[in-house]
């Protein structure tokens, strides 16, 4: 099958590598807050909220039970929320 005369109308182009990286890069202040979390909380939060892993995938990757994954993500998010509130207050 031959390609159409104007393939851009049918085949969508992908974003360049720079655009993809910019979408995945977190703001410096958020990266700093994440780095302040203990590793037990930081890794599950990043895997869930940045990388997009499911709870099950995180549990398998870290070899921890699903309940522990949920607990660590909840506590890590709570610590981030608290830290963000402290940053935004005058």
Protein backbone atom coordinates (compact mmCIF):
# COMPACT_ATOMS: atom_id res chain seq x y z
CA UNK A 1 0.00 0.00 0.00
CA UNK A 2 1.42 3.37 -0.97
CA UNK A 3 1.62 6.26 1.46
CA UNK A 4 -0.68 9.21 0.80
CA UNK A 5 0.71 12.37 -0.79
CA UNK A 6 0.46 14.20 2.54
CA UNK A 7 1.39 11.64 5.25
CA UNK A 8 1.35 14.29 8.00
CA UNK A 9 -2.41 14.47 7.68
CA UNK A 10 -2.73 10.80 8.55
CA UNK A 11 0.38 9.90 10.53
CA UNK A 12 0.91 11.96 13.64
CA UNK A 13 4.48 12.92 14.39
CA UNK A 14 5.93 12.34 17.82
CA UNK A 15 7.29 15.07 20.01
CA UNK A 16 11.02 15.57 19.95
CA UNK A 17 13.25 14.19 22.69
CA UNK A 18 13.59 17.65 24.29
CA UNK A 19 9.81 18.04 24.54
CA UNK A 20 9.45 14.56 26.03
CA UNK A 21 12.16 15.27 28.61
CA UNK A 22 10.59 18.61 29.55
CA UNK A 23 7.28 16.88 30.22
CA UNK A 24 8.95 14.31 32.48
CA UNK A 25 11.22 16.73 34.36
CA UNK A 26 9.86 17.89 37.68
CA UNK A 27 10.24 21.46 38.91
CA UNK A 28 13.32 22.00 41.09
CA UNK A 29 11.31 22.79 44.22
CA UNK A 30 9.31 19.57 43.91
CA UNK A 31 12.48 17.56 43.27
CA UNK A 32 13.96 19.05 46.45
CA UNK A 33 10.88 18.16 48.49
CA UNK A 34 10.95 14.62 47.11
CA UNK A 35 14.63 14.25 47.95
CA UNK A 36 13.82 15.24 51.55
CA UNK A 37 11.50 12.22 51.92
CA UNK A 38 12.99 9.06 53.32
CA UNK A 39 13.76 6.54 50.61
CA UNK A 40 11.03 4.23 51.93
CA UNK A 41 8.43 6.86 50.98
CA UNK A 42 10.18 8.56 48.07
CA UNK A 43 10.56 5.50 45.84
CA UNK A 44 6.90 4.37 45.97
CA UNK A 45 5.63 7.94 45.50
CA UNK A 46 7.87 8.52 42.48
CA UNK A 47 7.00 5.15 40.96
CA UNK A 48 3.28 5.86 41.36
CA UNK A 49 2.96 9.59 40.68
CA UNK A 50 5.85 10.27 38.31
CA UNK A 51 6.46 7.00 36.49
CA UNK A 52 2.84 5.82 36.58
CA UNK A 53 3.28 2.30 37.98
CA UNK A 54 0.27 0.54 39.47
CA UNK A 55 0.29 -0.39 43.15
CA UNK A 56 0.80 -4.01 42.13
CA UNK A 57 3.79 -3.15 39.92
CA UNK A 58 5.37 -1.16 42.73
CA UNK A 59 4.89 -4.02 45.17
CA UNK A 60 6.49 -6.46 42.76
CA UNK A 61 9.37 -4.10 41.94
CA UNK A 62 10.17 -3.41 45.58
CA UNK A 63 9.21 -6.86 46.84
CA UNK A 64 6.82 -5.47 49.46
CA UNK A 65 3.16 -6.27 50.18
CA UNK A 66 0.40 -4.24 48.53
CA UNK A 67 -0.75 -2.82 51.88
CA UNK A 68 2.76 -1.54 52.55
CA UNK A 69 2.86 0.10 49.11
CA UNK A 70 -0.43 1.91 49.77
CA UNK A 71 0.66 2.97 53.24
CA UNK A 72 4.01 4.33 52.09
CA UNK A 73 2.45 6.24 49.21
CA UNK A 74 -0.19 7.70 51.54
CA UNK A 75 2.40 8.76 54.13
CA UNK A 76 4.81 10.09 51.50
CA UNK A 77 2.09 12.17 49.88
CA UNK A 78 1.03 13.48 53.30
CA UNK A 79 4.62 14.56 54.03
CA UNK A 80 4.85 16.25 50.62
CA UNK A 81 1.54 18.01 51.16
CA UNK A 82 2.69 19.26 54.56
CA UNK A 83 6.00 20.44 53.10
CA UNK A 84 4.23 22.21 50.23
CA UNK A 85 1.93 24.02 52.66
CA UNK A 86 5.00 25.23 54.55
CA UNK A 87 6.56 26.50 51.31
CA UNK A 88 3.49 28.43 50.16
CA UNK A 89 2.82 30.18 53.49
CA UNK A 90 4.24 33.72 53.74
